């Protein structure tokens, strides 16, 4: 695993090699009424939006850990002083979509580090455009829940995954939905292992799998033997008629805080030593 990230506050840990991996917590379903959630957050340069995401998650999941990577962006290390958060500053910008597998591997390494250093059985993908109103209590027998029914993997990828994953038998199309706000069982990727996940990643371009985080993560869940399902508490802002309904716990594509100036209190939380 590459060592391009510097961890500021968890001394004497210096880079990704130094983390001690936790034991996978098995689960046959996602039950948010019984178990809490940890989070993977690759942040960049929207401090006001980033802080709002951290605050929202921390209020909703009191025992949830955020593992945050700054993607060669703002230094958010001071957030460790105020939230249940482990911070890793990366001097390389990986981004969230890629033209080749090199940076996909690096993003995957960050994700697996977050998975293996947190304790709850489920992980949420956090992005700067996620708004968390409250803790969801959804139940699903799938391995990942998120948006469902409006984005699909290629025919070539679908045929490959159906032949590989017996849970997909008879499927003619496969939804992808691993965007910000999605939640998945950590064990599905832990049991697959990073070496096998990288081998699957190498197949993605020839299967016409777009190397964008949501599509890519969905492909990995499927190729690890998992399934995707609808997240009833999740909504996106393009759903103009319903997204403002407070019954929805998780909102994606919420960008109203982008570019806004920080208050003095927000500056203190993010930057004060």
Foldseek 3Di string as FASTA:
>chain_A
DDFQKAFDPPPPDGTLVPADFDDADDDQKDFLQVFAEAEEEAAAEFLVLVVQQQVLNCQAGVPYEYEYEDQLHDQQNLLVVPGNYGYIYGNHHLDFFDPACPSVLVVVSSVLSRLGRTDTFKYFYAYSQKHFLHRDRDIGSFFKAFADDDAWFDQLLLVVLVVQAVVCPPDRIAHWGRDGGMMGGSVLDVVCDSVNLSVQSNCCVVSVQGRGNRSSVRSSSSNSRTGYDYDVLEEECVVVVPPVPSSRRMYGPHCPSGPDDDDPVSCCSRPND
